[in-house]
């Protein structure tokens, strides 16, 4: 059993142990998401949220954009995230 909540007519949270609110809607978990310091996707999440953006996209050589490691990592994280969103 986990602590759950639903939003009542006034917009307040009502905490319960039931899995459905009185109006028939499913309740939401009142527990925060788990955090792991060894999160494999942390770097991708930081990149996508803009926390770790030290990418120099203005570094252009005569062949176009100079593809540095940070830019490649950001693009791979974006494509991986899109893959996860659309396939699961």
N, C-alpha and C. Protein backbone atom coordinates (compact mmCIF):
# COMPACT_ATOMS: atom_id res chain seq x y z
N UNK A 1 0.83 -1.18 0.00
CA UNK A 1 0.00 0.00 0.00
C UNK A 1 0.87 1.25 0.00
N UNK A 2 0.55 2.15 -0.86
CA UNK A 2 1.28 3.40 -0.95
C UNK A 2 0.32 4.56 -0.72
N UNK A 3 0.87 5.63 -0.22
CA UNK A 3 0.07 6.83 -0.02
C UNK A 3 -0.24 7.45 -1.37
N UNK A 4 -1.51 7.69 -1.63
CA UNK A 4 -1.96 8.24 -2.90
C UNK A 4 -2.72 9.54 -2.61
N UNK A 5 -2.99 10.30 -3.67
CA UNK A 5 -3.79 11.52 -3.51
C UNK A 5 -4.61 11.75 -4.76
N UNK A 6 -5.63 12.57 -4.60
CA UNK A 6 -6.43 13.06 -5.73
C UNK A 6 -6.76 14.51 -5.45
N UNK A 7 -7.18 15.21 -6.48
CA UNK A 7 -7.53 16.62 -6.36
C UNK A 7 -9.05 16.74 -6.23
N UNK A 8 -9.51 17.41 -5.19
CA UNK A 8 -10.96 17.56 -5.00
C UNK A 8 -11.49 18.75 -5.79
N UNK A 9 -12.75 19.09 -5.56
CA UNK A 9 -13.40 20.16 -6.31
C UNK A 9 -12.78 21.53 -6.05
N UNK A 10 -12.22 21.72 -4.86
CA UNK A 10 -11.61 22.99 -4.50
C UNK A 10 -10.18 23.13 -5.03
N UNK A 11 -9.64 22.05 -5.55
CA UNK A 11 -8.26 22.07 -6.03
C UNK A 11 -7.25 21.66 -4.98
N UNK A 12 -7.72 21.15 -3.85
CA UNK A 12 -6.82 20.71 -2.78
C UNK A 12 -6.49 19.23 -2.94
N UNK A 13 -5.33 18.85 -2.43
CA UNK A 13 -4.94 17.44 -2.43
C UNK A 13 -5.63 16.73 -1.28
N UNK A 14 -6.19 15.58 -1.58
CA UNK A 14 -6.79 14.73 -0.56
C UNK A 14 -6.01 13.42 -0.58
N UNK A 15 -5.38 13.09 0.55
CA UNK A 15 -4.55 11.90 0.63
C UNK A 15 -5.38 10.70 1.05
N UNK A 16 -5.07 9.56 0.43
CA UNK A 16 -5.82 8.34 0.69
C UNK A 16 -4.91 7.14 0.41
N UNK A 17 -5.37 5.96 0.78
CA UNK A 17 -4.67 4.72 0.44
C UNK A 17 -5.36 3.99 -0.70
N UNK A 18 -6.48 4.52 -1.16
CA UNK A 18 -7.24 3.88 -2.23
C UNK A 18 -6.63 4.20 -3.58
N UNK A 19 -6.90 3.34 -4.55
CA UNK A 19 -6.33 3.54 -5.88
C UNK A 19 -7.25 4.33 -6.81
N UNK A 20 -8.47 4.59 -6.38
CA UNK A 20 -9.40 5.39 -7.18
C UNK A 20 -10.07 6.44 -6.30
N UNK A 21 -10.26 7.62 -6.87
CA UNK A 21 -10.93 8.71 -6.16
C UNK A 21 -12.44 8.43 -6.14
N UNK A 22 -13.21 9.13 -5.32
CA UNK A 22 -14.66 8.91 -5.29
C UNK A 22 -15.35 9.17 -6.63
N UNK A 23 -14.77 10.01 -7.48
CA UNK A 23 -15.38 10.26 -8.78
C UNK A 23 -14.98 9.23 -9.83
N UNK A 24 -14.18 8.23 -9.46
CA UNK A 24 -13.82 7.16 -10.37
C UNK A 24 -12.49 7.33 -11.07
N UNK A 25 -11.86 8.47 -10.93
CA UNK A 25 -10.56 8.70 -11.56
C UNK A 25 -9.46 8.03 -10.74
N UNK A 26 -8.41 7.55 -11.39
CA UNK A 26 -7.31 6.95 -10.62
C UNK A 26 -6.56 8.00 -9.81
N UNK A 27 -6.08 7.59 -8.64
CA UNK A 27 -5.32 8.50 -7.79
C UNK A 27 -3.87 8.51 -8.22
N UNK A 28 -3.14 9.53 -7.76
CA UNK A 28 -1.73 9.69 -8.11
C UNK A 28 -0.87 9.35 -6.90
N UNK A 29 0.34 8.93 -7.15
CA UNK A 29 1.25 8.58 -6.07
C UNK A 29 1.72 9.84 -5.35
N UNK A 30 1.74 9.79 -4.02
CA UNK A 30 2.19 10.93 -3.22
C UNK A 30 3.68 10.85 -2.93
N UNK A 31 4.34 9.82 -3.43
CA UNK A 31 5.77 9.63 -3.18
C UNK A 31 6.58 10.23 -4.32
N UNK A 32 7.71 10.86 -4.03
CA UNK A 32 8.55 11.40 -5.10
C UNK A 32 9.20 10.27 -5.90
N UNK A 33 9.64 10.61 -7.09
CA UNK A 33 10.31 9.62 -7.93
C UNK A 33 11.64 9.24 -7.29
N UNK A 34 12.08 8.03 -7.55
CA UNK A 34 13.35 7.57 -7.00
C UNK A 34 14.50 8.25 -7.71
N UNK A 35 15.52 8.52 -6.96
CA UNK A 35 16.72 9.13 -7.51
C UNK A 35 17.89 8.21 -7.27
N UNK A 36 18.65 7.98 -8.30
CA UNK A 36 19.84 7.16 -8.19
C UNK A 36 21.04 7.98 -8.61
N UNK A 37 22.08 8.07 -7.78
CA UNK A 37 23.27 8.81 -8.19
C UNK A 37 24.00 8.14 -9.35
N UNK A 38 23.72 6.87 -9.58
CA UNK A 38 24.35 6.15 -10.69
C UNK A 38 23.40 6.08 -11.88
N UNK A 39 22.63 7.12 -12.10
CA UNK A 39 21.66 7.16 -13.19
C UNK A 39 22.39 7.20 -14.52
N UNK A 40 22.09 6.23 -15.37
CA UNK A 40 22.77 6.15 -16.66
C UNK A 40 22.32 7.25 -17.62
N UNK A 41 21.12 7.78 -17.44
CA UNK A 41 20.59 8.79 -18.34
C UNK A 41 20.77 10.21 -17.82
N UNK A 42 21.47 10.39 -16.71
CA UNK A 42 21.60 11.70 -16.10
C UNK A 42 22.26 12.70 -17.04
N UNK A 43 23.31 12.28 -17.71
CA UNK A 43 24.03 13.20 -18.59
C UNK A 43 23.14 13.63 -19.75
N UNK A 44 22.38 12.70 -20.31
CA UNK A 44 21.47 13.05 -21.40
C UNK A 44 20.38 13.99 -20.91
N UNK A 45 19.88 13.77 -19.72
CA UNK A 45 18.84 14.65 -19.18
C UNK A 45 19.39 16.04 -18.94
N UNK A 46 20.62 16.13 -18.46
CA UNK A 46 21.23 17.43 -18.24
C UNK A 46 21.43 18.15 -19.56
N UNK A 47 21.81 17.41 -20.58
CA UNK A 47 22.02 18.03 -21.89
C UNK A 47 20.70 18.53 -22.45
N UNK A 48 19.67 17.69 -22.37
CA UNK A 48 18.39 18.08 -22.94
C UNK A 48 17.75 19.22 -22.17
N UNK A 49 18.01 19.33 -20.89
CA UNK A 49 17.45 20.42 -20.09
C UNK A 49 18.30 21.68 -20.17
N UNK A 50 19.45 21.62 -20.77
CA UNK A 50 20.27 22.79 -20.94
C UNK A 50 21.20 23.09 -19.79
N UNK A 51 21.36 22.15 -18.87
CA UNK A 51 22.23 22.39 -17.73
C UNK A 51 23.69 22.29 -18.15
N UNK A 52 23.98 21.34 -19.00
CA UNK A 52 25.37 21.08 -19.40
C UNK A 52 25.52 21.41 -20.88
N UNK A 53 25.44 22.68 -21.21
CA UNK A 53 25.57 23.08 -22.60
C UNK A 53 26.77 24.00 -22.76
N UNK A 54 27.88 23.44 -23.06
CA UNK A 54 29.05 24.24 -23.37
C UNK A 54 29.48 23.93 -24.80
N UNK A 55 28.49 23.78 -25.66
CA UNK A 55 28.74 23.40 -27.04
C UNK A 55 29.06 24.64 -27.85
N UNK A 56 30.09 24.57 -28.61
CA UNK A 56 30.48 25.69 -29.44
C UNK A 56 29.98 25.42 -30.86
N UNK A 57 28.74 25.81 -31.12
CA UNK A 57 28.16 25.55 -32.44
C UNK A 57 28.62 26.57 -33.46
N UNK A 58 29.27 27.64 -33.01
CA UNK A 58 29.75 28.64 -33.94
C UNK A 58 31.14 28.31 -34.47
N UNK A 59 31.70 27.19 -34.04
CA UNK A 59 33.02 26.81 -34.54
C UNK A 59 32.86 26.14 -35.90
N UNK A 60 32.99 26.90 -36.94
CA UNK A 60 32.78 26.42 -38.30
C UNK A 60 34.11 26.43 -39.03
N UNK A 61 34.43 25.31 -39.60
CA UNK A 61 35.62 25.26 -40.44
C UNK A 61 35.20 25.32 -41.90
N UNK A 62 36.09 25.05 -42.81
CA UNK A 62 35.74 25.17 -44.23
C UNK A 62 34.85 24.04 -44.73
N UNK A 63 34.65 22.98 -43.93
CA UNK A 63 33.76 21.89 -44.32
C UNK A 63 32.38 22.01 -43.68
N UNK A 64 32.11 23.06 -42.96
CA UNK A 64 30.83 23.21 -42.28
C UNK A 64 31.04 23.22 -40.78
N UNK A 65 30.11 22.64 -40.05
CA UNK A 65 30.19 22.64 -38.59
C UNK A 65 31.27 21.67 -38.14
N UNK A 66 32.08 22.11 -37.23
CA UNK A 66 33.09 21.24 -36.65
C UNK A 66 32.39 20.38 -35.59
N UNK A 67 32.29 19.08 -35.84
CA UNK A 67 31.55 18.19 -34.97
C UNK A 67 32.42 17.79 -33.78
N UNK A 68 32.28 18.51 -32.69
CA UNK A 68 33.04 18.15 -31.51
C UNK A 68 32.28 17.09 -30.71
N UNK A 69 32.92 16.54 -29.70
CA UNK A 69 32.33 15.45 -28.93
C UNK A 69 31.06 15.87 -28.20
N UNK A 70 31.01 17.09 -27.71
CA UNK A 70 29.83 17.54 -26.98
C UNK A 70 28.60 17.61 -27.89
N UNK A 71 28.79 18.09 -29.09
CA UNK A 71 27.67 18.18 -30.03
C UNK A 71 27.19 16.79 -30.43
N UNK A 72 28.11 15.88 -30.66
CA UNK A 72 27.72 14.51 -31.01
C UNK A 72 26.98 13.84 -29.85
N UNK A 73 27.44 14.07 -28.63
CA UNK A 73 26.77 13.50 -27.47
C UNK A 73 25.37 14.07 -27.32
N UNK A 74 25.21 15.36 -27.52
CA UNK A 74 23.89 15.98 -27.41
C UNK A 74 22.94 15.42 -28.47
N UNK A 75 23.41 15.31 -29.70
CA UNK A 75 22.55 14.78 -30.76
C UNK A 75 22.17 13.33 -30.51
N UNK A 76 23.12 12.53 -30.04
CA UNK A 76 22.80 11.13 -29.76
C UNK A 76 21.80 11.02 -28.62
N UNK A 77 21.91 11.87 -27.61
CA UNK A 77 20.94 11.85 -26.51
C UNK A 77 19.55 12.27 -26.98
N UNK A 78 19.49 13.25 -27.86
CA UNK A 78 18.19 13.69 -28.38
C UNK A 78 17.54 12.58 -29.19
N UNK A 79 18.30 11.94 -30.08
CA UNK A 79 17.72 10.87 -30.89
C UNK A 79 17.33 9.67 -30.03
N UNK A 80 18.13 9.37 -29.01
CA UNK A 80 17.79 8.27 -28.12
C UNK A 80 16.51 8.58 -27.35
N UNK A 81 16.36 9.81 -26.88
CA UNK A 81 15.16 10.20 -26.15
C UNK A 81 13.93 10.13 -27.05
N UNK A 82 14.06 10.58 -28.29
CA UNK A 82 12.94 10.49 -29.22
C UNK A 82 12.58 9.04 -29.51
N UNK A 83 13.59 8.18 -29.62
CA UNK A 83 13.34 6.76 -29.84
C UNK A 83 12.56 6.17 -28.67
N UNK A 84 12.98 6.52 -27.45
CA UNK A 84 12.29 6.01 -26.26
C UNK A 84 10.85 6.52 -26.21
N UNK A 85 10.64 7.80 -26.54
CA UNK A 85 9.29 8.37 -26.48
C UNK A 85 8.33 7.70 -27.46
N UNK A 86 8.79 7.41 -28.65
CA UNK A 86 7.88 6.91 -29.68
C UNK A 86 7.79 5.39 -29.75
N UNK A 87 8.67 4.67 -29.06
CA UNK A 87 8.62 3.22 -29.15
C UNK A 87 8.17 2.54 -27.87
N UNK A 88 7.95 3.32 -26.81
CA UNK A 88 7.51 2.70 -25.56
C UNK A 88 6.29 3.36 -25.03
